[in-house]
Amino acid sequence: MDNYVNGSDLLVTIGEGAIGHCTTHTTTFSTETKDMAFKPLASEAKSTASLFKSKRVTGLTVQVKAEGLHVYSETESGLKAILAKWKAGSSVGVKLFDRGNDESPYCSGNFVISSLENTAAAGEDATYSVTFDNDGAVTVDETKLDAATA
């Protein structure tokens, strides 16, 4: 059973720093489509086949969400650093990679910080969550995913 990937070995960086004290991250690869419907040929008998629509891909998007602990002495890209990047209002470089393979990411590109949330419940650890949406083309190389264990 040692072939399972440990989530702690998949990391995210923003610019040059890993997401600080990250507890979880999720990457969503989405496809935008358009329905295509057409009339059957005049030579064909009417059938239910004409009720089915085809799909055409019109776009691809990548969204990365991460959550982390708000730490006073953060040395990586924690809440404070991400807030400064959000405030700048420009794209940031994001990489997803296996631990130890940051020079060989399986997904990378420019992303905008679409949301940043700070949660501070009484008596609990303060946490933050951030959502990145791709800004232009993203490089995805699935052969580099799990490269550290291959």
C-alpha atoms as a PDB file:
ATOM      1  CA  MET A   1       0.000   0.000   0.000  1.00  0.00           C
ATOM      2  CA  ASP A   2       3.022   2.337  -0.181  1.00  0.00           C
ATOM      3  CA  ASN A   3       2.031   3.539  -3.663  1.00  0.00           C
ATOM      4  CA  TYR A   4      -0.472   6.056  -2.299  1.00  0.00           C
ATOM      5  CA  VAL A   5       0.505   9.690  -2.646  1.00  0.00           C
ATOM      6  CA  ASN A   6       0.748  11.530   0.660  1.00  0.00           C
ATOM      7  CA  GLY A   7      -0.980  14.908   0.345  1.00  0.00           C
ATOM      8  CA  SER A   8       1.845  16.494   2.339  1.00  0.00           C
ATOM      9  CA  ASP A   9       4.137  15.814  -0.630  1.00  0.00           C
ATOM     10  CA  LEU A  10       2.105  17.960  -3.064  1.00  0.00           C
ATOM     11  CA  LEU A  11       2.912  21.640  -2.597  1.00  0.00           C
ATOM     12  CA  VAL A  12       1.924  25.062  -3.955  1.00  0.00           C
ATOM     13  CA  THR A  13       4.126  28.121  -4.324  1.00  0.00           C
ATOM     14  CA  ILE A  14       3.152  31.721  -4.914  1.00  0.00           C
ATOM     15  CA  GLY A  15       6.034  33.555  -6.486  1.00  0.00           C
ATOM     16  CA  GLU A  16       9.103  32.196  -4.711  1.00  0.00           C
ATOM     17  CA  GLY A  17       7.472  31.045  -1.457  1.00  0.00           C
ATOM     18  CA  ALA A  18       5.407  27.995  -0.612  1.00  0.00           C
ATOM     19  CA  ILE A  19       1.988  28.633   0.897  1.00  0.00           C
ATOM     20  CA  GLY A  20       2.837  29.040   4.558  1.00  0.00           C
ATOM     21  CA  HIS A  21       1.634  26.449   7.053  1.00  0.00           C
ATOM     22  CA  CYS A  22      -0.702  25.072   4.396  1.00  0.00           C
ATOM     23  CA  THR A  23      -3.156  22.514   5.743  1.00  0.00           C
ATOM     24  CA  THR A  24      -4.844  21.650   2.446  1.00  0.00           C
ATOM     25  CA  HIS A  25      -5.057  22.684  -1.168  1.00  0.00           C
ATOM     26  CA  THR A  26      -7.418  21.752  -3.976  1.00  0.00           C
ATOM     27  CA  THR A  27      -6.880  22.151  -7.704  1.00  0.00           C
ATOM     28  CA  THR A  28      -9.880  22.135 -10.012  1.00  0.00           C
ATOM     29  CA  PHE A  29      -9.390  21.681 -13.756  1.00  0.00           C
ATOM     30  CA  SER A  30     -12.622  22.756 -15.479  1.00  0.00           C
ATOM     31  CA  THR A  31     -13.894  22.625 -19.033  1.00  0.00           C
ATOM     32  CA  GLU A  32     -16.257  25.209 -20.462  1.00  0.00           C
ATOM     33  CA  THR A  33     -18.513  23.830 -23.158  1.00  0.00           C
ATOM     34  CA  LYS A  34     -21.180  24.900 -25.580  1.00  0.00           C
ATOM     35  CA  ASP A  35     -24.121  22.708 -26.527  1.00  0.00           C
ATOM     36  CA  MET A  36     -24.499  22.008 -30.223  1.00  0.00           C
ATOM     37  CA  ALA A  37     -27.850  20.883 -31.568  1.00  0.00           C
ATOM     38  CA  PHE A  38     -28.610  20.200 -35.195  1.00  0.00           C
ATOM     39  CA  LYS A  39     -31.421  18.881 -37.318  1.00  0.00           C
ATOM     40  CA  PRO A  40     -31.119  15.345 -38.685  1.00  0.00           C
ATOM     41  CA  LEU A  41     -30.522  14.932 -42.395  1.00  0.00           C
ATOM     42  CA  ALA A  42     -33.675  15.176 -44.514  1.00  0.00           C
ATOM     43  CA  SER A  43     -33.023  11.664 -45.756  1.00  0.00           C
ATOM     44  CA  GLU A  44     -33.121  10.257 -42.209  1.00  0.00           C
ATOM     45  CA  ALA A  45     -36.291   9.276 -40.413  1.00  0.00           C
ATOM     46  CA  LYS A  46     -37.127  11.340 -37.364  1.00  0.00           C
ATOM     47  CA  SER A  47     -35.682   9.684 -34.255  1.00  0.00           C
ATOM     48  CA  THR A  48     -34.816  10.438 -30.670  1.00  0.00           C
ATOM     49  CA  ALA A  49     -31.158  10.635 -31.690  1.00  0.00           C
ATOM     50  CA  SER A  50     -31.797  14.206 -32.833  1.00  0.00           C
ATOM     51  CA  LEU A  51     -32.741  15.123 -29.245  1.00  0.00           C
ATOM     52  CA  PHE A  52     -29.205  14.515 -28.044  1.00  0.00           C
ATOM     53  CA  LYS A  53     -26.819  17.460 -28.166  1.00  0.00           C
ATOM     54  CA  SER A  54     -23.121  17.423 -28.881  1.00  0.00           C
ATOM     55  CA  LYS A  55     -20.633  19.389 -26.817  1.00  0.00           C
ATOM     56  CA  ARG A  56     -17.837  21.621 -28.017  1.00  0.00           C
ATOM     57  CA  VAL A  57     -15.010  22.723 -25.727  1.00  0.00           C
ATOM     58  CA  THR A  58     -14.827  26.522 -25.618  1.00  0.00           C
ATOM     59  CA  GLY A  59     -12.402  27.024 -22.744  1.00  0.00           C
ATOM     60  CA  LEU A  60     -10.281  25.505 -20.009  1.00  0.00           C
ATOM     61  CA  THR A  61      -9.821  26.942 -16.526  1.00  0.00           C
ATOM     62  CA  VAL A  62      -7.730  26.068 -13.502  1.00  0.00           C
ATOM     63  CA  GLN A  63      -8.609  27.102  -9.974  1.00  0.00           C
ATOM     64  CA  VAL A  64      -6.397  26.525  -6.947  1.00  0.00           C
ATOM     65  CA  LYS A  65      -7.760  26.846  -3.415  1.00  0.00           C
ATOM     66  CA  ALA A  66      -5.560  26.618  -0.349  1.00  0.00           C
ATOM     67  CA  GLU A  67      -6.027  26.843   3.391  1.00  0.00           C
ATOM     68  CA  GLY A  68      -3.391  27.479   6.007  1.00  0.00           C
ATOM     69  CA  LEU A  69      -2.737  28.430   9.591  1.00  0.00           C
ATOM     70  CA  HIS A  70      -2.104  32.102  10.390  1.00  0.00           C
ATOM     71  CA  VAL A  71       1.309  32.074  12.081  1.00  0.00           C
ATOM     72  CA  TYR A  72       3.025  35.062  13.752  1.00  0.00           C
ATOM     73  CA  SER A  73       6.526  34.139  12.595  1.00  0.00           C
ATOM     74  CA  GLU A  74       5.659  32.956   9.057  1.00  0.00           C
ATOM     75  CA  THR A  75       8.713  32.584   6.806  1.00  0.00           C
ATOM     76  CA  GLU A  76       6.864  31.449   3.666  1.00  0.00           C
ATOM     77  CA  SER A  77       3.909  32.935   1.760  1.00  0.00           C
ATOM     78  CA  GLY A  78       1.408  33.148   4.590  1.00  0.00           C
ATOM     79  CA  LEU A  79      -1.615  35.401   5.084  1.00  0.00           C
ATOM     80  CA  LYS A  80       0.442  38.589   5.370  1.00  0.00           C
ATOM     81  CA  ALA A  81       2.387  37.965   2.125  1.00  0.00           C
ATOM     82  CA  ILE A  82      -0.710  36.839   0.219  1.00  0.00           C
ATOM     83  CA  LEU A  83      -2.648  39.889   1.410  1.00  0.00           C
ATOM     84  CA  ALA A  84       0.117  42.150   0.060  1.00  0.00           C
ATOM     85  CA  LYS A  85      -0.026  40.336  -3.306  1.00  0.00           C
ATOM     86  CA  TRP A  86      -3.836  40.648  -3.389  1.00  0.00           C
ATOM     87  CA  LYS A  87      -3.589  44.357  -2.571  1.00  0.00           C
ATOM     88  CA  ALA A  88      -1.209  44.877  -5.546  1.00  0.00           C
ATOM     89  CA  GLY A  89      -4.066  43.770  -7.823  1.00  0.00           C
ATOM     90  CA  SER A  90      -1.930  41.888 -10.328  1.00  0.00           C
ATOM     91  CA  SER A  91      -1.305  38.298 -11.339  1.00  0.00           C
ATOM     92  CA  VAL A  92       0.994  36.073  -9.323  1.00  0.00           C
ATOM     93  CA  GLY A  93       2.988  33.062 -10.445  1.00  0.00           C
ATOM     94  CA  VAL A  94       1.654  29.806  -9.009  1.00  0.00           C
ATOM     95  CA  LYS A  95       3.302  26.372  -9.216  1.00  0.00           C
ATOM     96  CA  LEU A  96       2.015  22.968  -8.130  1.00  0.00           C
ATOM     97  CA  PHE A  97       4.662  20.298  -7.658  1.00  0.00           C
ATOM     98  CA  ASP A  98       5.857  17.250  -5.773  1.00  0.00           C
ATOM     99  CA  ARG A  99       8.007  17.997  -2.722  1.00  0.00           C
ATOM    100  CA  GLY A 100      11.596  18.374  -3.883  1.00  0.00           C
ATOM    101  CA  ASN A 101      10.601  19.005  -7.510  1.00  0.00           C
ATOM    102  CA  ASP A 102       9.763  22.719  -7.462  1.00  0.00           C
ATOM    103  CA  GLU A 103      11.856  23.199 -10.633  1.00  0.00           C
ATOM    104  CA  SER A 104       9.620  20.664 -12.372  1.00  0.00           C
ATOM    105  CA  PRO A 105       5.989  21.636 -11.592  1.00  0.00           C
ATOM    106  CA  TYR A 106       3.089  19.642 -12.967  1.00  0.00           C
ATOM    107  CA  CYS A 107       1.018  22.843 -13.204  1.00  0.00           C
ATOM    108  CA  SER A 108       2.179  26.452 -13.418  1.00  0.00           C
ATOM    109  CA  GLY A 109       1.100  29.824 -14.700  1.00  0.00           C
ATOM    110  CA  ASN A 110      -0.168  33.243 -13.801  1.00  0.00           C
ATOM    111  CA  PHE A 111      -3.168  33.445 -11.501  1.00  0.00           C
ATOM    112  CA  VAL A 112      -5.238  36.200  -9.930  1.00  0.00           C
ATOM    113  CA  ILE A 113      -6.160  36.060  -6.271  1.00  0.00           C
ATOM    114  CA  SER A 114      -9.938  36.010  -6.569  1.00  0.00           C
ATOM    115  CA  SER A 115     -10.606  35.688  -2.837  1.00  0.00           C
ATOM    116  CA  LEU A 116      -8.729  35.722   0.444  1.00  0.00           C
ATOM    117  CA  GLU A 117     -10.484  34.942   3.700  1.00  0.00           C
ATOM    118  CA  ASN A 118      -9.156  35.196   7.260  1.00  0.00           C
ATOM    119  CA  THR A 119     -11.028  33.170   9.889  1.00  0.00           C
ATOM    120  CA  ALA A 120     -10.416  33.804  13.583  1.00  0.00           C
ATOM    121  CA  ALA A 121     -12.836  31.925  15.837  1.00  0.00           C
ATOM    122  CA  ALA A 122     -12.524  32.444  19.601  1.00  0.00           C
ATOM    123  CA  GLY A 123     -10.345  29.793  21.208  1.00  0.00           C
ATOM    124  CA  GLU A 124      -9.368  28.239  17.841  1.00  0.00           C
ATOM    125  CA  ASP A 125      -6.366  28.470  15.520  1.00  0.00           C
ATOM    126  CA  ALA A 126      -6.678  31.428  13.141  1.00  0.00           C
ATOM    127  CA  THR A 127      -6.781  30.207   9.552  1.00  0.00           C
ATOM    128  CA  TYR A 128      -6.896  31.684   6.089  1.00  0.00           C
ATOM    129  CA  SER A 129      -8.128  30.471   2.726  1.00  0.00           C
ATOM    130  CA  VAL A 130      -7.189  31.777  -0.693  1.00  0.00           C
ATOM    131  CA  THR A 131      -8.548  31.124  -4.166  1.00  0.00           C
ATOM    132  CA  PHE A 132      -6.508  31.582  -7.345  1.00  0.00           C
ATOM    133  CA  ASP A 133      -8.031  31.643 -10.850  1.00  0.00           C
ATOM    134  CA  ASN A 134      -5.822  31.255 -13.902  1.00  0.00           C
ATOM    135  CA  ASP A 135      -4.936  34.407 -15.816  1.00  0.00           C
ATOM    136  CA  GLY A 136      -4.178  33.172 -19.315  1.00  0.00           C
ATOM    137  CA  ALA A 137      -2.645  29.909 -20.401  1.00  0.00           C
ATOM    138  CA  VAL A 138      -1.488  27.433 -17.767  1.00  0.00           C
ATOM    139  CA  THR A 139       1.178  24.804 -18.330  1.00  0.00           C
ATOM    140  CA  VAL A 140      -0.029  21.358 -17.282  1.00  0.00           C
ATOM    141  CA  ASP A 141       2.318  18.375 -17.557  1.00  0.00           C
ATOM    142  CA  GLU A 142       0.724  15.316 -16.009  1.00  0.00           C
ATOM    143  CA  THR A 143       3.938  13.316 -16.523  1.00  0.00           C
ATOM    144  CA  LYS A 144       5.532  15.428 -13.774  1.00  0.00           C
ATOM    145  CA  LEU A 145       2.797  14.609 -11.259  1.00  0.00           C
ATOM    146  CA  ASP A 146       4.055  12.057  -8.756  1.00  0.00           C
ATOM    147  CA  ALA A 147       7.487  12.273 -10.415  1.00  0.00           C
ATOM    148  CA  ALA A 148       9.191  12.016  -7.035  1.00  0.00           C
ATOM    149  CA  THR A 149       7.868   8.493  -6.543  1.00  0.00           C
ATOM    150  CA  ALA A 150       7.921   7.269 -10.133  1.00  0.00           C
END
